[in-house]
Protein backbone atom coordinates (compact mmCIF):
# COMPACT_ATOMS: atom_id res chain seq x y z
CA MET A 1 38.66 130.90 154.02
CA LYS A 2 36.57 133.87 152.72
CA ARG A 3 36.77 135.27 149.25
CA ILE A 4 36.05 138.89 148.95
CA GLY A 5 35.67 140.77 145.47
CA LEU A 6 36.65 144.38 144.98
CA LEU A 7 35.35 146.55 142.08
CA THR A 8 35.72 150.25 141.39
CA SER A 9 33.18 151.67 138.94
CA GLY A 10 32.41 155.04 137.31
CA GLY A 11 34.58 158.14 137.41
CA ASP A 12 37.84 157.77 139.42
CA CYS A 13 38.59 159.95 142.42
CA GLN A 14 41.44 160.49 144.94
CA ALA A 15 40.61 157.91 147.58
CA LEU A 16 39.48 154.75 145.86
CA ASN A 17 42.77 152.89 146.63
CA ALA A 18 42.78 154.27 150.20
CA THR A 19 39.20 152.89 150.79
CA MET A 20 40.08 149.46 149.23
CA ARG A 21 43.13 149.35 151.54
CA GLY A 22 40.87 149.94 154.47
CA VAL A 23 38.69 147.02 153.54
CA VAL A 24 41.61 144.68 152.99
CA LYS A 25 43.49 145.53 156.20
CA GLY A 26 40.27 145.38 158.15
CA MET A 27 39.64 141.79 156.82
CA VAL A 28 43.26 140.61 157.19
CA HIS A 29 43.51 141.65 160.74
CA SER A 30 40.02 140.55 161.76
CA MET A 31 40.24 137.18 160.06
CA LYS A 32 43.90 136.63 161.02
CA GLY A 33 44.79 136.19 157.29
CA ASP A 34 42.16 133.63 156.54
CA VAL A 35 40.85 135.66 153.60
CA GLU A 36 41.47 135.87 149.84
CA PHE A 37 40.77 139.02 147.62
CA ILE A 38 39.63 139.04 143.97
CA GLY A 39 39.91 142.23 141.98
CA PHE A 40 37.60 142.83 138.98
CA MET A 41 39.29 144.96 136.42
CA ASN A 42 37.93 148.11 134.99
CA GLY A 43 34.64 148.32 136.97
CA TYR A 44 31.53 146.42 136.14
CA LYS A 45 33.07 145.56 132.80
CA GLY A 46 35.35 143.04 134.61
CA LEU A 47 32.46 141.49 136.44
CA ILE A 48 30.41 141.22 133.21
CA TYR A 49 33.18 139.67 131.07
CA GLY A 50 34.89 137.71 133.93
CA ASP A 51 38.12 139.79 133.83
CA TYR A 52 39.45 139.37 137.31
CA ARG A 53 42.56 138.24 139.24
CA LYS A 54 43.70 137.14 142.75
CA LEU A 55 45.12 139.93 144.79
CA GLU A 56 47.67 139.74 147.71
CA SER A 57 47.43 141.89 150.68
CA ARG A 58 50.82 143.29 149.67
CA ASP A 59 49.04 144.72 146.61
CA PHE A 60 47.41 147.23 149.00
CA SER A 61 50.58 148.27 150.73
CA GLY A 62 51.74 151.86 150.06
CA ILE A 63 48.53 152.89 148.20
CA LEU A 64 46.92 155.12 150.93
CA THR A 65 48.34 158.31 149.34
CA LYS A 66 47.81 157.05 145.66
CA GLY A 67 45.14 158.54 143.59
CA GLY A 68 43.20 156.80 140.80
CA THR A 69 42.47 153.06 141.23
CA ILE A 70 44.78 150.10 141.00
CA LEU A 71 41.97 148.04 139.61
CA GLY A 72 40.96 150.49 136.74
CA THR A 73 37.49 151.72 136.19
CA SER A 74 34.93 152.35 133.49
CA ARG A 75 31.46 153.83 133.10
CA GLN A 76 28.61 151.30 132.55
CA PRO A 77 25.41 153.21 132.59
CA PHE A 78 22.72 151.64 134.83
CA LYS A 79 20.00 152.27 132.17
CA LEU A 80 21.87 149.91 129.84
CA MET A 81 22.62 147.10 132.38
CA GLU A 82 19.51 145.20 131.56
CA ILE A 83 20.07 145.56 127.83
CA PRO A 84 22.12 142.90 126.18
CA ASP A 85 25.59 143.96 124.83
CA GLU A 86 26.33 144.04 121.10
CA ASN A 87 26.87 140.19 121.13
CA GLY A 88 23.37 139.57 122.87
CA LEU A 89 25.10 138.90 126.24
CA ASP A 90 22.77 139.23 129.17
CA LYS A 91 24.95 141.51 131.35
CA VAL A 92 23.14 141.02 134.71
CA ALA A 93 23.08 137.26 134.25
CA ALA A 94 26.77 137.40 133.39
CA MET A 95 27.68 139.23 136.59
CA VAL A 96 25.77 136.81 138.68
CA LYS A 97 27.51 133.92 136.94
CA ASN A 98 30.95 135.42 137.28
CA TYR A 99 30.33 136.20 140.97
CA LYS A 100 29.41 132.53 141.60
CA GLU A 101 32.27 131.20 139.37
CA ALA A 102 34.77 133.25 141.49
CA LYS A 103 33.31 131.65 144.59
CA LEU A 104 32.90 135.03 146.29
CA ASP A 105 31.50 135.39 149.88
CA ALA A 106 30.97 139.16 149.26
CA LEU A 107 31.57 141.81 146.79
CA VAL A 108 32.66 145.26 147.80
CA ILE A 109 31.59 147.87 145.19
CA LEU A 110 33.09 151.39 145.28
CA GLY A 111 31.29 153.98 143.22
CA GLY A 112 28.79 156.82 142.77
CA ASN A 113 25.04 156.93 142.09
CA GLY A 114 24.90 154.82 138.91
CA THR A 115 27.27 152.25 140.49
CA GLN A 116 24.93 152.25 143.54
CA LYS A 117 21.92 151.39 141.51
CA THR A 118 23.69 148.43 139.78
CA ALA A 119 24.92 147.31 143.26
CA ASN A 120 21.25 147.37 144.41
CA LEU A 121 20.23 145.32 141.47
CA LEU A 122 22.92 142.77 142.13
CA SER A 123 21.75 142.67 145.73
CA SER A 124 18.20 141.92 144.63
CA LYS A 125 19.65 139.03 142.63
CA GLY A 126 20.89 137.42 145.77
CA LEU A 127 24.56 138.60 145.73
CA ASN A 128 26.21 139.62 149.04
CA VAL A 129 27.00 143.22 148.08
CA ILE A 130 28.31 146.14 150.07
CA HIS A 131 28.57 149.68 148.54
CA LEU A 132 31.09 152.29 149.40
CA PRO A 133 30.14 155.95 148.46
CA LYS A 134 32.45 157.41 146.12
CA THR A 135 32.20 160.70 144.17
CA ILE A 136 33.71 164.25 144.15
CA ASP A 137 30.06 165.53 143.72
CA ASN A 138 29.05 164.47 147.30
CA ASP A 139 25.53 163.79 145.89
CA ILE A 140 24.91 160.23 147.23
CA PHE A 141 21.73 160.12 149.28
CA GLY A 142 21.95 158.62 152.84
CA THR A 143 25.55 159.70 153.67
CA ASP A 144 26.74 163.11 154.89
CA VAL A 145 29.84 162.93 152.81
CA THR A 146 31.49 160.80 150.09
CA PHE A 147 35.20 160.15 149.83
CA GLY A 148 36.87 162.18 147.10
CA PHE A 149 34.75 165.22 147.88
CA GLN A 150 37.17 166.98 150.23
CA SER A 151 40.13 166.44 148.03
CA ALA A 152 38.32 167.65 145.00
CA ILE A 153 37.40 170.92 147.07
CA ASP A 154 40.98 171.40 147.85
CA ILE A 155 41.89 171.45 144.12
CA ALA A 156 38.98 173.54 142.99
CA THR A 157 39.70 176.07 145.78
CA ASP A 158 43.34 176.19 144.70
CA ALA A 159 42.28 177.03 141.13
CA ILE A 160 40.08 179.89 142.44
CA ASP A 161 42.87 181.16 144.74
CA CYS A 162 45.25 181.23 141.74
CA ILE A 163 42.73 183.05 139.69
CA HIS A 164 42.20 185.71 142.30
CA THR A 165 45.73 187.16 141.87
CA THR A 166 45.60 187.46 138.08
CA ALA A 167 42.05 188.74 138.23
CA ALA A 168 43.01 191.48 140.77
CA SER A 169 46.12 192.33 138.67
CA HIS A 170 44.27 192.81 135.40
CA ASN A 171 40.96 194.13 136.87
CA ARG A 172 39.02 191.33 135.10
CA VAL A 173 36.07 189.26 135.61
CA PHE A 174 37.04 185.51 135.70
CA ILE A 175 34.82 182.50 135.77
CA VAL A 176 36.03 179.21 137.21
CA GLU A 177 34.01 176.31 135.95
CA VAL A 178 33.79 173.60 138.65
CA MET A 179 32.64 170.04 138.08
CA GLY A 180 29.04 169.09 138.95
CA HIS A 181 26.38 168.44 136.19
CA LYS A 182 23.37 167.80 138.51
CA VAL A 183 24.46 169.13 142.01
CA GLY A 184 26.48 172.10 143.29
CA TRP A 185 28.11 170.83 146.42
CA LEU A 186 31.58 171.05 145.06
CA THR A 187 31.08 174.59 143.55
CA LEU A 188 29.44 175.84 146.85
CA TYR A 189 32.30 174.63 149.01
CA ALA A 190 35.07 175.58 146.67
CA GLY A 191 33.35 178.90 146.01
CA VAL A 192 33.06 179.77 149.62
CA ALA A 193 36.55 178.48 150.45
CA GLY A 194 38.13 180.39 147.58
CA GLY A 195 36.41 183.65 148.26
CA ALA A 196 34.29 183.70 145.05
CA ASP A 197 32.07 186.79 144.78
CA ILE A 198 29.36 184.96 142.71
CA ILE A 199 28.45 181.20 142.88
CA LEU A 200 26.08 179.71 140.40
CA LEU A 201 24.60 176.24 141.11
CA PRO A 202 22.34 173.87 139.20
CA GLU A 203 19.84 173.87 142.18
CA ILE A 204 19.41 177.69 142.06
CA PRO A 205 18.64 178.85 138.49
CA TYR A 206 20.33 182.23 137.88
CA ASN A 207 19.04 185.49 136.40
CA ILE A 208 21.84 186.82 134.29
CA LYS A 209 20.62 190.35 134.97
CA LYS A 210 21.18 189.72 138.59
CA VAL A 211 24.62 188.32 137.85
CA VAL A 212 25.62 191.49 135.94
CA LYS A 213 24.23 193.69 138.72
CA ALA A 214 26.40 192.05 141.24
CA ILE A 215 29.45 192.66 139.08
CA LYS A 216 28.54 196.22 138.59
CA ALA A 217 28.00 196.70 142.30
CA ARG A 218 31.56 195.49 143.00
CA SER A 219 32.80 197.93 140.29
CA ASP A 220 30.93 200.76 141.65
CA ALA A 221 32.36 200.03 145.06
CA GLY A 222 35.90 200.32 143.72
CA LYS A 223 36.58 196.71 143.41
CA GLY A 224 38.04 196.20 139.97
CA PHE A 225 37.74 192.46 139.60
CA THR A 226 34.98 189.69 140.16
CA VAL A 227 35.50 185.88 140.48
CA LEU A 228 32.52 183.64 139.70
CA ALA A 229 32.52 179.96 140.64
CA VAL A 230 30.11 178.34 138.24
CA ALA A 231 29.12 174.65 138.30
CA GLU A 232 29.16 172.92 134.93
CA GLY A 233 25.54 172.15 135.39
CA ALA A 234 24.45 175.77 136.22
CA ILE A 235 21.29 176.85 134.44
CA SER A 236 19.46 180.10 133.82
CA LYS A 237 15.87 180.73 134.95
CA GLU A 238 14.76 180.71 131.36
CA ASP A 239 16.28 177.33 130.60
CA ALA A 240 15.02 175.81 133.95
CA ALA A 241 11.48 176.62 132.82
CA LEU A 242 11.88 174.53 129.66
CA LYS A 243 10.68 170.98 129.52
CA LYS A 244 13.36 168.35 129.55
CA LYS A 245 13.16 167.66 125.79
CA GLU A 246 13.18 171.37 125.06
CA TYR A 247 16.21 171.99 127.08
CA LYS A 248 18.15 169.15 125.57
CA ALA A 249 17.29 170.39 122.22
CA LYS A 250 18.50 173.98 123.07
CA LEU A 251 21.75 172.38 124.51
CA SER A 252 22.39 170.53 121.23
CA GLU A 253 22.39 173.87 119.42
CA ARG A 254 24.47 175.87 122.01
CA LYS A 255 27.33 177.52 120.16
CA TYR A 256 29.46 177.66 123.35
CA PRO A 257 31.52 174.87 124.86
CA SER A 258 29.83 175.15 128.15
CA VAL A 259 27.48 177.33 130.24
CA SER A 260 30.48 179.33 131.62
CA TYR A 261 31.43 180.48 128.14
CA GLU A 262 27.81 181.57 127.46
CA ILE A 263 27.75 183.47 130.71
CA ALA A 264 31.01 185.12 129.78
CA ALA A 265 29.71 186.21 126.44
CA GLN A 266 26.50 187.66 128.02
CA ILE A 267 28.48 189.62 130.72
CA GLU A 268 30.62 191.08 127.91
CA ASP A 269 27.61 192.14 125.85
CA MET A 270 25.89 193.59 128.74
CA LEU A 271 28.79 195.36 130.74
CA GLY A 272 31.60 195.52 128.19
CA ASN A 273 33.90 193.88 130.69
CA GLU A 274 36.73 191.49 129.48
CA VAL A 275 35.83 188.03 130.80
CA ARG A 276 38.05 184.93 130.91
CA VAL A 277 36.92 181.34 131.63
CA VAL A 278 39.11 178.79 133.40
CA VAL A 279 38.07 175.11 133.45
CA PRO A 280 40.22 172.96 135.87
CA GLY A 281 38.40 169.94 134.51
CA HIS A 282 39.67 166.56 135.46
CA THR A 283 42.37 167.88 137.67
CA GLN A 284 39.58 168.11 140.32
CA ARG A 285 39.40 164.28 140.48
CA GLY A 286 43.07 163.62 139.98
CA GLY A 287 46.14 163.32 142.33
CA GLY A 288 46.28 161.74 145.68
CA PRO A 289 43.78 161.98 148.56
CA ASP A 290 44.11 164.78 151.19
CA ALA A 291 44.33 163.97 154.86
CA TYR A 292 40.65 164.25 155.39
CA ASP A 293 39.79 161.77 152.74
CA ARG A 294 42.54 159.37 153.86
CA VAL A 295 40.88 159.22 157.33
CA LEU A 296 37.33 158.98 155.80
CA SER A 297 38.19 156.29 153.46
CA THR A 298 40.10 154.10 155.95
CA ARG A 299 37.08 154.35 158.32
CA LEU A 300 34.65 153.45 155.52
CA GLY A 301 36.75 150.55 154.48
CA SER A 302 37.21 149.21 157.91
CA ALA A 303 33.36 149.43 158.55
CA ALA A 304 32.83 147.51 155.32
CA ALA A 305 35.07 144.71 156.64
CA GLN A 306 33.03 144.53 159.75
CA ALA A 307 29.78 144.38 157.84
CA ILE A 308 31.22 141.37 155.89
CA ILE A 309 32.23 139.58 159.11
CA ASP A 310 28.76 140.24 160.42
CA LYS A 311 27.30 139.00 157.24
CA ASP A 312 25.19 142.15 156.88
CA PHE A 313 24.93 142.62 153.20
CA GLY A 314 22.77 144.81 150.74
CA CYS A 315 23.88 147.94 152.40
CA MET A 316 25.86 151.10 151.83
CA ILE A 317 28.45 152.12 154.46
CA ALA A 318 27.54 155.74 155.16
CA MET A 319 29.06 158.50 157.27
CA ILE A 320 26.39 160.06 159.48
CA ASN A 321 27.09 162.59 162.25
CA ASN A 322 30.79 161.39 162.03
CA GLU A 323 29.82 157.86 162.68
CA THR A 324 29.95 154.96 160.14
CA LYS A 325 26.46 153.45 159.61
CA ARG A 326 24.91 150.71 157.50
CA VAL A 327 22.28 152.01 155.28
CA PRO A 328 20.00 149.57 153.27
CA LEU A 329 20.78 149.96 149.55
CA ASP A 330 17.15 149.67 148.45
CA LYS A 331 16.40 152.70 150.58
CA VAL A 332 18.92 155.02 148.97
CA ALA A 333 19.65 153.74 145.47
CA GLY A 334 18.26 156.05 142.76
CA HIS A 335 18.03 159.11 144.97
CA LEU A 336 20.15 162.26 144.53
CA LYS A 337 21.46 164.54 147.30
CA GLY A 338 21.27 168.04 145.99
CA VAL A 339 21.97 171.42 147.58
CA ASP A 340 18.90 172.83 149.40
CA PRO A 341 18.54 176.46 148.09
CA ASP A 342 17.13 177.40 151.53
CA CYS A 343 19.90 175.63 153.54
CA GLN A 344 21.84 177.42 156.29
CA MET A 345 25.18 177.53 154.27
CA ILE A 346 23.45 179.31 151.43
CA GLU A 347 22.00 181.89 153.81
CA GLU A 348 25.35 182.38 155.53
CA ALA A 349 27.02 182.86 152.09
CA LYS A 350 24.42 185.47 151.15
CA ARG A 351 24.92 187.31 154.47
CA ILE A 352 28.59 187.97 153.60
CA GLY A 353 27.65 189.26 150.24
CA ILE A 354 28.04 186.27 147.92
CA SER A 355 25.59 186.48 145.07
CA PHE A 356 23.84 183.38 143.68
CA GLY A 357 22.48 185.26 140.72
CA VAL A 358 18.90 185.67 142.11
């Protein structure tokens, strides 16, 4: 009898349940039912404090289309993992202890970059760990795509689509702020899919004068409205030139809720246009997974089940060239996959007239 642990960590997204379902179904059918599942509640917190329960295969029935996570989740920053908690508890030692007390043969961890770094840490401590790449940001190094990304694109694109009609009706400039603090994959894809006129990404520091110039060019061409897709981590050239501490200090004194509101104020000052800001926020990671993510998560989960059967641990199940692959965790943990400013997609977007503020 094999005992498999499951844990979802970090921000939730649309296909966590679907991915766990893929793991469970893959194990049950391959092991002819000779397998038990242990669910750790609320992310690494459950592993640290021993909050877990036995799960039945029926718990994973009917959850393919259900968003969120049936196990709950929490954010446990990697940089704090090796620092004792407020009661002096050694978190890493506690996780190793609870893994062993649960008599696990393997632990499947679903999460993003921070989750992956902790998974790699646990692997280095001798635990049989497999990581499944989750994030709406699509910023995990070593995989072409993460589950949750496409579903978030659909939601962000829908927001931009809805703004187009009201922007055109009122001849206004609209900014749609899309999630993505460090990388701009979601903003890039949603911006292109939604027909945004200007796309601002963290990887391509913008010049506000170029942004205003692009808006004015549209106005001069008889186009009365402009839609901007702005990543929440978008940054100006001036701010990008600052040292990290200087930039953090400036952010602490920013009088605007986010960069989008700052850009809106600058556009209004320089052009006199009325600017509105729309922030879809957490709706982008909410709701159920779309068809693409259901297929992707099922494949990743099934591939994880096979890795467990093969006793091939310390890896991430990646999607590379539309094939599932096992990538060593120690080769990818701690790396970020950002948008290449010189990539083909950026060049193609520029070719059709999309401005990136440069």
